[in-house]
Amino acid sequence: MLDEAGDSIGVLYIGSSRSGMSAMFANKDLPFYHSAQPTEFPLIDDGFVDFCITRLKDYGLHHSSTVMLNFWHSVGQSPYWMIILVRHLIMQQCDLDTAIEQINLVIAEDGDFDRLLRKPNEYSALFIVFVF
């Protein structure tokens, strides 16, 4: 239906993974191959880590800014994974190293987009489409 409307509509695809979103449009085996020209939002800078540390302090939690910054960069500056880490620290009341270890296990299981690219027909991509 979208292809019948031509230029009269605009579509915005939003996802939580840059690699997953890129793959949707660049991999000929995936359904949205060449259906849009990806334009990325700018990366959120390292100030987001300071923001997260401040929010943790609101809960009486004090964690290493260096370790959190390293985690932030290890997940490709993904706000999604940083928020998951902050939630985990607040809810589980565990130390930072343990939380990072547990989040990395979740990333390995849920965020394995290389596996998605190797077997595109076995997995579906989660995304939101806005039509305006």
C-alpha atoms as a PDB file:
ATOM      1  CA  MET A   1       0.000   0.000   0.000  1.00  0.00           C
ATOM      2  CA  LEU A   2       2.796   2.437   0.829  1.00  0.00           C
ATOM      3  CA  ASP A   3       4.374   2.021  -2.613  1.00  0.00           C
ATOM      4  CA  GLU A   4       1.064   2.953  -4.291  1.00  0.00           C
ATOM      5  CA  ALA A   5       0.910   6.349  -2.581  1.00  0.00           C
ATOM      6  CA  GLY A   6       4.186   7.502  -4.153  1.00  0.00           C
ATOM      7  CA  ASP A   7       5.446  10.887  -2.999  1.00  0.00           C
ATOM      8  CA  SER A   8       2.228  11.808  -1.182  1.00  0.00           C
ATOM      9  CA  ILE A   9       3.374  10.233   2.080  1.00  0.00           C
ATOM     10  CA  GLY A  10       6.553  10.168   4.114  1.00  0.00           C
ATOM     11  CA  VAL A  11       7.726   7.226   6.184  1.00  0.00           C
ATOM     12  CA  LEU A  12      10.071   7.279   9.161  1.00  0.00           C
ATOM     13  CA  TYR A  13      11.650   3.996  10.283  1.00  0.00           C
ATOM     14  CA  ILE A  14      12.983   4.027  13.844  1.00  0.00           C
ATOM     15  CA  GLY A  15      14.933   1.272  15.561  1.00  0.00           C
ATOM     16  CA  SER A  16      17.185   0.777  18.555  1.00  0.00           C
ATOM     17  CA  SER A  17      20.154  -0.667  16.666  1.00  0.00           C
ATOM     18  CA  ARG A  18      22.163   1.211  14.068  1.00  0.00           C
ATOM     19  CA  SER A  19      23.522  -2.040  12.655  1.00  0.00           C
ATOM     20  CA  GLY A  20      20.083  -3.623  12.553  1.00  0.00           C
ATOM     21  CA  MET A  21      18.549  -0.616  10.847  1.00  0.00           C
ATOM     22  CA  SER A  22      21.395  -0.401   8.337  1.00  0.00           C
ATOM     23  CA  ALA A  23      21.025  -4.086   7.571  1.00  0.00           C
ATOM     24  CA  MET A  24      17.314  -3.672   6.838  1.00  0.00           C
ATOM     25  CA  PHE A  25      18.098  -1.396   3.911  1.00  0.00           C
ATOM     26  CA  ALA A  26      21.487  -2.723   2.779  1.00  0.00           C
ATOM     27  CA  ASN A  27      20.995  -6.506   2.899  1.00  0.00           C
ATOM     28  CA  LYS A  28      19.286  -7.803  -0.269  1.00  0.00           C
ATOM     29  CA  ASP A  29      17.839 -10.726   1.710  1.00  0.00           C
ATOM     30  CA  LEU A  30      15.871  -8.461   4.067  1.00  0.00           C
ATOM     31  CA  PRO A  31      12.414  -7.100   3.147  1.00  0.00           C
ATOM     32  CA  PHE A  32      13.221  -3.368   3.156  1.00  0.00           C
ATOM     33  CA  TYR A  33      16.288  -3.637   0.896  1.00  0.00           C
ATOM     34  CA  HIS A  34      16.791  -0.292  -0.895  1.00  0.00           C
ATOM     35  CA  SER A  35      13.329   0.918   0.161  1.00  0.00           C
ATOM     36  CA  ALA A  36      14.681   4.016   1.907  1.00  0.00           C
ATOM     37  CA  GLN A  37      17.752   6.188   2.212  1.00  0.00           C
ATOM     38  CA  PRO A  38      18.922   5.872   5.835  1.00  0.00           C
ATOM     39  CA  THR A  39      19.712   9.113   7.634  1.00  0.00           C
ATOM     40  CA  GLU A  40      21.074   8.621  11.114  1.00  0.00           C
ATOM     41  CA  PHE A  41      20.337  10.848  14.055  1.00  0.00           C
ATOM     42  CA  PRO A  42      23.493  12.247  15.615  1.00  0.00           C
ATOM     43  CA  LEU A  43      25.089  10.218  18.378  1.00  0.00           C
ATOM     44  CA  ILE A  44      24.339  11.240  21.926  1.00  0.00           C
ATOM     45  CA  ASP A  45      27.599  12.440  23.451  1.00  0.00           C
ATOM     46  CA  ASP A  46      29.360  11.260  26.596  1.00  0.00           C
ATOM     47  CA  GLY A  47      27.390  13.770  28.661  1.00  0.00           C
ATOM     48  CA  PHE A  48      24.632  11.154  28.752  1.00  0.00           C
ATOM     49  CA  VAL A  49      26.823   9.073  31.075  1.00  0.00           C
ATOM     50  CA  ASP A  50      27.086  12.025  33.470  1.00  0.00           C
ATOM     51  CA  PHE A  51      23.309  12.375  33.331  1.00  0.00           C
ATOM     52  CA  CYS A  52      22.889   8.674  34.196  1.00  0.00           C
ATOM     53  CA  ILE A  53      25.376   8.923  37.068  1.00  0.00           C
ATOM     54  CA  THR A  54      23.440  11.891  38.469  1.00  0.00           C
ATOM     55  CA  ARG A  55      20.178   9.919  38.265  1.00  0.00           C
ATOM     56  CA  LEU A  56      21.829   7.003  40.103  1.00  0.00           C
ATOM     57  CA  LYS A  57      22.945   9.393  42.855  1.00  0.00           C
ATOM     58  CA  ASP A  58      19.272  10.333  43.303  1.00  0.00           C
ATOM     59  CA  TYR A  59      18.860   6.724  44.496  1.00  0.00           C
ATOM     60  CA  GLY A  60      21.928   6.880  46.721  1.00  0.00           C
ATOM     61  CA  LEU A  61      24.010   4.858  44.270  1.00  0.00           C
ATOM     62  CA  HIS A  62      27.568   5.920  43.475  1.00  0.00           C
ATOM     63  CA  HIS A  63      29.377   4.195  40.619  1.00  0.00           C
ATOM     64  CA  SER A  64      32.599   4.779  38.698  1.00  0.00           C
ATOM     65  CA  SER A  65      32.165   7.245  35.865  1.00  0.00           C
ATOM     66  CA  THR A  66      35.148   5.656  34.082  1.00  0.00           C
ATOM     67  CA  VAL A  67      33.615   2.168  34.164  1.00  0.00           C
ATOM     68  CA  MET A  68      30.230   3.501  33.050  1.00  0.00           C
ATOM     69  CA  LEU A  69      31.862   5.505  30.263  1.00  0.00           C
ATOM     70  CA  ASN A  70      33.704   2.374  29.097  1.00  0.00           C
ATOM     71  CA  PHE A  71      30.410   0.460  29.066  1.00  0.00           C
ATOM     72  CA  TRP A  72      28.767   3.312  27.126  1.00  0.00           C
ATOM     73  CA  HIS A  73      31.427   3.082  24.433  1.00  0.00           C
ATOM     74  CA  SER A  74      31.389  -0.734  24.398  1.00  0.00           C
ATOM     75  CA  VAL A  75      27.686  -0.681  23.471  1.00  0.00           C
ATOM     76  CA  GLY A  76      28.227   1.844  20.691  1.00  0.00           C
ATOM     77  CA  GLN A  77      26.820   4.775  22.683  1.00  0.00           C
ATOM     78  CA  SER A  78      23.412   3.120  22.749  1.00  0.00           C
ATOM     79  CA  PRO A  79      21.017   4.961  25.089  1.00  0.00           C
ATOM     80  CA  TYR A  80      18.881   1.825  25.180  1.00  0.00           C
ATOM     81  CA  TRP A  81      21.613  -0.338  26.767  1.00  0.00           C
ATOM     82  CA  MET A  82      22.705   2.457  29.088  1.00  0.00           C
ATOM     83  CA  ILE A  83      19.151   2.841  30.385  1.00  0.00           C
ATOM     84  CA  ILE A  84      18.918  -0.928  30.841  1.00  0.00           C
ATOM     85  CA  LEU A  85      22.134  -0.770  32.904  1.00  0.00           C
ATOM     86  CA  VAL A  86      20.833   2.088  35.066  1.00  0.00           C
ATOM     87  CA  ARG A  87      17.526   0.292  35.659  1.00  0.00           C
ATOM     88  CA  HIS A  88      19.392  -2.883  36.566  1.00  0.00           C
ATOM     89  CA  LEU A  89      21.602  -1.039  39.058  1.00  0.00           C
ATOM     90  CA  ILE A  90      18.579   0.569  40.716  1.00  0.00           C
ATOM     91  CA  MET A  91      16.375  -2.508  40.806  1.00  0.00           C
ATOM     92  CA  GLN A  92      18.974  -5.163  41.634  1.00  0.00           C
ATOM     93  CA  GLN A  93      21.147  -3.019  43.916  1.00  0.00           C
ATOM     94  CA  CYS A  94      24.229  -4.906  42.677  1.00  0.00           C
ATOM     95  CA  ASP A  95      27.741  -3.657  42.022  1.00  0.00           C
ATOM     96  CA  LEU A  96      28.571  -2.092  38.659  1.00  0.00           C
ATOM     97  CA  ASP A  97      30.833  -4.902  37.405  1.00  0.00           C
ATOM     98  CA  THR A  98      28.148  -7.516  38.103  1.00  0.00           C
ATOM     99  CA  ALA A  99      25.483  -5.396  36.400  1.00  0.00           C
ATOM    100  CA  ILE A 100      27.664  -4.902  33.310  1.00  0.00           C
ATOM    101  CA  GLU A 101      28.418  -8.614  33.168  1.00  0.00           C
ATOM    102  CA  GLN A 102      24.704  -9.436  33.333  1.00  0.00           C
ATOM    103  CA  ILE A 103      23.772  -6.794  30.736  1.00  0.00           C
ATOM    104  CA  ASN A 104      26.497  -8.081  28.409  1.00  0.00           C
ATOM    105  CA  LEU A 105      24.918 -11.549  28.623  1.00  0.00           C
ATOM    106  CA  VAL A 106      21.578 -10.040  27.603  1.00  0.00           C
ATOM    107  CA  ILE A 107      23.255  -8.150  24.739  1.00  0.00           C
ATOM    108  CA  ALA A 108      24.894 -11.349  23.517  1.00  0.00           C
ATOM    109  CA  GLU A 109      21.515 -13.089  23.508  1.00  0.00           C
ATOM    110  CA  ASP A 110      19.170 -10.308  22.331  1.00  0.00           C
ATOM    111  CA  GLY A 111      21.452  -8.004  20.415  1.00  0.00           C
ATOM    112  CA  ASP A 112      23.188 -10.523  18.170  1.00  0.00           C
ATOM    113  CA  PHE A 113      22.498  -8.769  14.878  1.00  0.00           C
ATOM    114  CA  ASP A 114      25.336 -10.645  13.170  1.00  0.00           C
ATOM    115  CA  ARG A 115      23.220 -13.778  13.642  1.00  0.00           C
ATOM    116  CA  LEU A 116      20.231 -11.937  12.154  1.00  0.00           C
ATOM    117  CA  LEU A 117      22.269 -11.016   9.089  1.00  0.00           C
ATOM    118  CA  ARG A 118      23.523 -14.579   8.626  1.00  0.00           C
ATOM    119  CA  LYS A 119      19.979 -16.028   8.739  1.00  0.00           C
ATOM    120  CA  PRO A 120      17.610 -13.192   7.777  1.00  0.00           C
ATOM    121  CA  ASN A 121      14.591 -15.409   7.113  1.00  0.00           C
ATOM    122  CA  GLU A 122      14.651 -16.933  10.602  1.00  0.00           C
ATOM    123  CA  TYR A 123      14.383 -13.649  12.489  1.00  0.00           C
ATOM    124  CA  SER A 124      12.201 -10.599  12.262  1.00  0.00           C
ATOM    125  CA  ALA A 125      13.340  -7.055  12.894  1.00  0.00           C
ATOM    126  CA  LEU A 126      11.425  -4.948  15.388  1.00  0.00           C
ATOM    127  CA  PHE A 127      10.831  -1.425  14.199  1.00  0.00           C
ATOM    128  CA  ILE A 128       8.232   1.310  14.275  1.00  0.00           C
ATOM    129  CA  VAL A 129       6.858   2.913  11.138  1.00  0.00           C
ATOM    130  CA  PHE A 130       5.402   6.409  11.289  1.00  0.00           C
ATOM    131  CA  VAL A 131       3.377   7.531   8.299  1.00  0.00           C
ATOM    132  CA  PHE A 132       2.843  11.270   7.961  1.00  0.00           C
END
